[in-house]
PDB file of N, CA and C in Angstrom:
ATOM      1  N   MET A   1     -25.360  13.957 -17.666  1.00  0.00           N
ATOM      2  CA  MET A   1     -24.963  13.893 -16.250  1.00  0.00           C
ATOM      3  C   MET A   1     -23.781  14.623 -16.156  1.00  0.00           C
ATOM      4  N   THR A   2     -23.319  15.309 -17.169  1.00  0.00           N
ATOM      5  CA  THR A   2     -22.285  16.229 -17.233  1.00  0.00           C
ATOM      6  C   THR A   2     -22.893  17.926 -17.192  1.00  0.00           C
ATOM      7  N   PHE A   3     -21.709  18.550 -16.770  1.00  0.00           N
ATOM      8  CA  PHE A   3     -22.042  19.919 -16.958  1.00  0.00           C
ATOM      9  C   PHE A   3     -22.052  20.324 -18.662  1.00  0.00           C
ATOM     10  N   PHE A   4     -21.240  19.842 -18.875  1.00  0.00           N
ATOM     11  CA  PHE A   4     -21.183  20.230 -20.875  1.00  0.00           C
ATOM     12  C   PHE A   4     -21.533  19.291 -21.025  1.00  0.00           C
ATOM     13  N   SER A   5     -21.969  19.078 -22.334  1.00  0.00           N
ATOM     14  CA  SER A   5     -22.201  17.535 -22.865  1.00  0.00           C
ATOM     15  C   SER A   5     -21.030  17.454 -24.170  1.00  0.00           C
ATOM     16  N   ALA A   6     -20.309  17.937 -23.945  1.00  0.00           N
ATOM     17  CA  ALA A   6     -19.132  17.479 -25.288  1.00  0.00           C
ATOM     18  C   ALA A   6     -18.271  16.696 -24.189  1.00  0.00           C
ATOM     19  N   PHE A   7     -18.484  16.817 -22.935  1.00  0.00           N
ATOM     20  CA  PHE A   7     -17.869  15.680 -21.984  1.00  0.00           C
ATOM     21  C   PHE A   7     -18.728  14.628 -21.842  1.00  0.00           C
ATOM     22  N   ASP A   8     -19.744  14.598 -22.245  1.00  0.00           N
ATOM     23  CA  ASP A   8     -20.486  13.587 -22.094  1.00  0.00           C
ATOM     24  C   ASP A   8     -20.555  12.289 -23.300  1.00  0.00           C
ATOM     25  N   VAL A   9     -19.286  11.698 -22.918  1.00  0.00           N
ATOM     26  CA  VAL A   9     -19.083  10.620 -23.874  1.00  0.00           C
ATOM     27  C   VAL A   9     -19.458   9.244 -23.881  1.00  0.00           C
ATOM     28  N   PRO A  10     -20.050   8.322 -24.411  1.00  0.00           N
ATOM     29  CA  PRO A  10     -20.065   6.201 -23.766  1.00  0.00           C
ATOM     30  C   PRO A  10     -18.894   6.550 -23.565  1.00  0.00           C
ATOM     31  N   VAL A  11     -18.567   5.682 -22.907  1.00  0.00           N
ATOM     32  CA  VAL A  11     -17.282   4.842 -22.380  1.00  0.00           C
ATOM     33  C   VAL A  11     -17.667   3.163 -21.837  1.00  0.00           C
ATOM     34  N   PHE A  12     -17.158   2.702 -23.069  1.00  0.00           N
ATOM     35  CA  PHE A  12     -17.065   0.616 -22.745  1.00  0.00           C
ATOM     36  C   PHE A  12     -16.431   0.472 -21.568  1.00  0.00           C
ATOM     37  N   TRP A  13     -17.379  -0.065 -20.350  1.00  0.00           N
ATOM     38  CA  TRP A  13     -17.021  -0.045 -19.059  1.00  0.00           C
ATOM     39  C   TRP A  13     -15.932  -1.597 -18.909  1.00  0.00           C
ATOM     40  N   PRO A  14     -15.532  -1.803 -19.705  1.00  0.00           N
ATOM     41  CA  PRO A  14     -14.219  -3.281 -19.508  1.00  0.00           C
ATOM     42  C   PRO A  14     -12.722  -2.519 -19.946  1.00  0.00           C
ATOM     43  N   ILE A  15     -13.161  -1.629 -20.871  1.00  0.00           N
ATOM     44  CA  ILE A  15     -11.843  -0.917 -21.715  1.00  0.00           C
ATOM     45  C   ILE A  15     -11.168  -0.160 -20.067  1.00  0.00           C
ATOM     46  N   LEU A  16     -12.674   0.852 -19.312  1.00  0.00           N
ATOM     47  CA  LEU A  16     -11.791   1.865 -18.396  1.00  0.00           C
ATOM     48  C   LEU A  16     -11.628   1.283 -17.323  1.00  0.00           C
ATOM     49  N   LEU A  17     -11.865  -0.004 -16.853  1.00  0.00           N
ATOM     50  CA  LEU A  17     -11.733  -1.039 -16.107  1.00  0.00           C
ATOM     51  C   LEU A  17     -10.151  -1.866 -16.081  1.00  0.00           C
ATOM     52  N   CYS A  18     -10.253  -1.735 -17.482  1.00  0.00           N
ATOM     53  CA  CYS A  18      -8.564  -2.444 -17.748  1.00  0.00           C
ATOM     54  C   CYS A  18      -7.466  -1.068 -16.998  1.00  0.00           C
ATOM     55  N   TYR A  19      -8.123  -0.182 -17.801  1.00  0.00           N
ATOM     56  CA  TYR A  19      -7.438   1.220 -17.577  1.00  0.00           C
ATOM     57  C   TYR A  19      -6.973   1.483 -16.652  1.00  0.00           C
ATOM     58  N   TRP A  20      -8.030   1.296 -15.232  1.00  0.00           N
ATOM     59  CA  TRP A  20      -7.725   1.376 -13.870  1.00  0.00           C
ATOM     60  C   TRP A  20      -6.714   0.149 -13.121  1.00  0.00           C
ATOM     61  N   ILE A  21      -6.836  -0.585 -13.573  1.00  0.00           N
ATOM     62  CA  ILE A  21      -6.402  -1.832 -13.525  1.00  0.00           C
ATOM     63  C   ILE A  21      -5.172  -1.846 -13.177  1.00  0.00           C
ATOM     64  N   VAL A  22      -4.314  -1.237 -14.868  1.00  0.00           N
ATOM     65  CA  VAL A  22      -3.015  -0.515 -15.229  1.00  0.00           C
ATOM     66  C   VAL A  22      -2.358   0.290 -14.330  1.00  0.00           C
ATOM     67  N   LEU A  23      -3.297   1.571 -14.053  1.00  0.00           N
ATOM     68  CA  LEU A  23      -2.623   2.480 -13.795  1.00  0.00           C
ATOM     69  C   LEU A  23      -2.501   2.035 -12.043  1.00  0.00           C
ATOM     70  N   PHE A  24      -3.250   1.412 -11.339  1.00  0.00           N
ATOM     71  CA  PHE A  24      -2.743   1.158 -10.427  1.00  0.00           C
ATOM     72  C   PHE A  24      -1.610   0.249 -10.010  1.00  0.00           C
ATOM     73  N   ALA A  25      -1.800  -0.591 -11.410  1.00  0.00           N
ATOM     74  CA  ALA A  25      -0.742  -1.759 -11.337  1.00  0.00           C
ATOM     75  C   ALA A  25       0.652  -0.983 -11.443  1.00  0.00           C
ATOM     76  N   LEU A  26       0.624   0.381 -12.336  1.00  0.00           N
ATOM     77  CA  LEU A  26       1.742   0.755 -12.300  1.00  0.00           C
ATOM     78  C   LEU A  26       2.365   1.735 -11.176  1.00  0.00           C
ATOM     79  N   THR A  27       1.436   2.036 -10.394  1.00  0.00           N
ATOM     80  CA  THR A  27       1.206   2.931  -9.342  1.00  0.00           C
ATOM     81  C   THR A  27       2.456   2.346  -8.217  1.00  0.00           C
ATOM     82  N   MET A  28       1.334   1.288  -8.350  1.00  0.00           N
ATOM     83  CA  MET A  28       2.143   0.187  -7.126  1.00  0.00           C
ATOM     84  C   MET A  28       3.056  -0.183  -6.910  1.00  0.00           C
ATOM     85  N   LYS A  29       3.884  -0.411  -8.337  1.00  0.00           N
ATOM     86  CA  LYS A  29       4.657  -1.167  -8.963  1.00  0.00           C
ATOM     87  C   LYS A  29       6.049  -0.006  -8.165  1.00  0.00           C
ATOM     88  N   ARG A  30       5.659   1.196  -8.795  1.00  0.00           N
ATOM     89  CA  ARG A  30       6.575   2.206  -8.349  1.00  0.00           C
ATOM     90  C   ARG A  30       6.919   2.130  -6.607  1.00  0.00           C
ATOM     91  N   GLN A  31       5.956   2.182  -6.130  1.00  0.00           N
ATOM     92  CA  GLN A  31       5.417   2.284  -4.719  1.00  0.00           C
ATOM     93  C   GLN A  31       6.458   1.388  -3.929  1.00  0.00           C
ATOM     94  N   ILE A  32       6.258  -0.177  -4.293  1.00  0.00           N
ATOM     95  CA  ILE A  32       7.112  -1.066  -3.977  1.00  0.00           C
ATOM     96  C   ILE A  32       8.477  -0.739  -4.449  1.00  0.00           C
ATOM     97  N   MET A  33       8.536  -0.654  -5.888  1.00  0.00           N
ATOM     98  CA  MET A  33      10.301  -0.746  -5.406  1.00  0.00           C
ATOM     99  C   MET A  33      10.746   0.586  -4.832  1.00  0.00           C
ATOM    100  N   HIS A  34      10.372   1.519  -4.645  1.00  0.00           N
ATOM    101  CA  HIS A  34      10.552   2.251  -3.211  1.00  0.00           C
ATOM    102  C   HIS A  34      10.737   1.845  -2.210  1.00  0.00           C
ATOM    103  N   MET A  35       9.847   1.161  -1.773  1.00  0.00           N
ATOM    104  CA  MET A  35      10.310   0.497  -0.545  1.00  0.00           C
ATOM    105  C   MET A  35      11.381   0.124  -0.226  1.00  0.00           C
ATOM    106  N   ILE A  36      11.456  -0.815  -0.926  1.00  0.00           N
ATOM    107  CA  ILE A  36      12.615  -2.067  -1.725  1.00  0.00           C
ATOM    108  C   ILE A  36      13.835  -1.245  -1.306  1.00  0.00           C
ATOM    109  N   LYS A  37      13.767  -0.385  -2.154  1.00  0.00           N
ATOM    110  CA  LYS A  37      15.063   0.391  -1.786  1.00  0.00           C
ATOM    111  C   LYS A  37      15.433   0.816  -0.844  1.00  0.00           C
ATOM    112  N   TYR A  38      14.215   1.297   0.042  1.00  0.00           N
ATOM    113  CA  TYR A  38      15.111   1.689   1.264  1.00  0.00           C
ATOM    114  C   TYR A  38      14.715   0.823   2.225  1.00  0.00           C
ATOM    115  N   LYS A  39      15.039  -0.237   2.050  1.00  0.00           N
ATOM    116  CA  LYS A  39      14.891  -1.627   2.542  1.00  0.00           C
ATOM    117  C   LYS A  39      13.380  -1.633   4.113  1.00  0.00           C
ATOM    118  N   TYR A  40      12.190  -0.630   3.295  1.00  0.00           N
ATOM    119  CA  TYR A  40      11.012  -0.773   4.386  1.00  0.00           C
ATOM    120  C   TYR A  40       9.855  -2.619   3.935  1.00  0.00           C
ATOM    121  N   VAL A  41       9.786  -3.123   4.896  1.00  0.00           N
ATOM    122  CA  VAL A  41       8.669  -3.878   4.662  1.00  0.00           C
ATOM    123  C   VAL A  41       7.796  -3.627   5.578  1.00  0.00           C
ATOM    124  N   PRO A  42       6.344  -3.611   4.827  1.00  0.00           N
ATOM    125  CA  PRO A  42       5.360  -3.231   5.281  1.00  0.00           C
ATOM    126  C   PRO A  42       4.508  -4.416   6.416  1.00  0.00           C
ATOM    127  N   PHE A  43       5.443  -5.771   6.298  1.00  0.00           N
ATOM    128  CA  PHE A  43       4.456  -6.494   6.965  1.00  0.00           C
ATOM    129  C   PHE A  43       5.488  -6.859   8.039  1.00  0.00           C
ATOM    130  N   SER A  44       4.920  -7.413   9.285  1.00  0.00           N
ATOM    131  CA  SER A  44       5.600  -7.738  10.471  1.00  0.00           C
ATOM    132  C   SER A  44       6.195  -9.258  11.082  1.00  0.00           C
ATOM    133  N   ILE A  45       6.265 -10.135   9.336  1.00  0.00           N
ATOM    134  CA  ILE A  45       6.453 -11.619   9.641  1.00  0.00           C
ATOM    135  C   ILE A  45       7.823 -11.268   9.319  1.00  0.00           C
ATOM    136  N   GLY A  46       8.956 -12.053   9.937  1.00  0.00           N
ATOM    137  CA  GLY A  46      10.216 -12.132   9.565  1.00  0.00           C
ATOM    138  C   GLY A  46      11.213 -10.894  10.415  1.00  0.00           C
ATOM    139  N   LYS A  47      10.252  -9.730  11.071  1.00  0.00           N
ATOM    140  CA  LYS A  47      11.067  -9.008  11.439  1.00  0.00           C
ATOM    141  C   LYS A  47      11.735  -8.789  13.150  1.00  0.00           C
ATOM    142  N   GLN A  48      12.228  -8.361  13.205  1.00  0.00           N
ATOM    143  CA  GLN A  48      13.433  -8.959  14.661  1.00  0.00           C
ATOM    144  C   GLN A  48      12.582  -7.235  15.745  1.00  0.00           C
ATOM    145  N   ARG A  49      12.104  -8.306  16.655  1.00  0.00           N
ATOM    146  CA  ARG A  49      11.105  -7.439  17.514  1.00  0.00           C
ATOM    147  C   ARG A  49      11.966  -6.652  18.453  1.00  0.00           C
ATOM    148  N   TYR A  50      12.251  -5.531  18.972  1.00  0.00           N
ATOM    149  CA  TYR A  50      13.013  -4.909  20.004  1.00  0.00           C
ATOM    150  C   TYR A  50      11.988  -4.434  21.110  1.00  0.00           C
ATOM    151  N   THR A  51      12.396  -5.074  22.399  1.00  0.00           N
ATOM    152  CA  THR A  51      12.211  -4.971  23.401  1.00  0.00           C
ATOM    153  C   THR A  51      12.783  -4.627  24.201  1.00  0.00           C
ATOM    154  N   GLY A  52      12.254  -3.585  25.203  1.00  0.00           N
ATOM    155  CA  GLY A  52      13.256  -3.235  26.285  1.00  0.00           C
ATOM    156  C   GLY A  52      13.462  -4.486  27.986  1.00  0.00           C
ATOM    157  N   GLN A  53      14.360  -3.901  28.449  1.00  0.00           N
ATOM    158  CA  GLN A  53      14.653  -4.909  29.483  1.00  0.00           C
ATOM    159  C   GLN A  53      13.508  -4.485  30.730  1.00  0.00           C
ATOM    160  N   ARG A  54      12.987  -6.000  31.226  1.00  0.00           N
ATOM    161  CA  ARG A  54      11.760  -6.157  31.900  1.00  0.00           C
ATOM    162  C   ARG A  54      12.567  -5.674  33.183  1.00  0.00           C
ATOM    163  N   PRO A  55      11.660  -5.357  34.296  1.00  0.00           N
ATOM    164  CA  PRO A  55      11.871  -4.535  35.506  1.00  0.00           C
ATOM    165  C   PRO A  55      12.518  -6.075  36.332  1.00  0.00           C
ATOM    166  N   ALA A  56      13.223  -6.219  36.941  1.00  0.00           N
ATOM    167  CA  ALA A  56      13.922  -7.398  37.751  1.00  0.00           C
ATOM    168  C   ALA A  56      12.290  -7.621  39.006  1.00  0.00           C
ATOM    169  N   ALA A  57      11.438  -8.599  38.811  1.00  0.00           N
ATOM    170  CA  ALA A  57      10.719  -9.155  39.719  1.00  0.00           C
ATOM    171  C   ALA A  57      11.171  -9.052  41.173  1.00  0.00           C
ATOM    172  N   ALA A  58      10.315  -8.094  42.696  1.00  0.00           N
ATOM    173  CA  ALA A  58      10.853  -7.550  43.336  1.00  0.00           C
ATOM    174  C   ALA A  58      11.108  -9.430  44.428  1.00  0.00           C
ATOM    175  N   ASN A  59      11.528  -9.599  45.279  1.00  0.00           N
ATOM    176  CA  ASN A  59      11.775 -11.117  45.967  1.00  0.00           C
ATOM    177  C   ASN A  59      10.943 -10.332  47.208  1.00  0.00           C
ATOM    178  N   SER A  60       9.863 -11.094  47.628  1.00  0.00           N
ATOM    179  CA  SER A  60       9.054 -10.827  49.054  1.00  0.00           C
ATOM    180  C   SER A  60       9.071 -12.135  49.752  1.00  0.00           C
ATOM    181  N   ASP A  61      11.168 -12.270  49.975  1.00  0.00           N
ATOM    182  CA  ASP A  61      11.358 -13.583  51.259  1.00  0.00           C
ATOM    183  C   ASP A  61      11.598 -12.553  52.391  1.00  0.00           C
TER     184      ASP A  61
END
């Protein structure tokens, strides 16, 4: 399936899966630590909401 037969090596899929999970976890840890450092929270739960002044309703008296 590869262009060169030297790169066609058999791989035991559980080891490959573990490798990708570890690689993903380490990358996400780095990203999450960066977000914590700069006080970025990607979730809207608990965030302060900023709303503009609502225009006063016109009285039709």
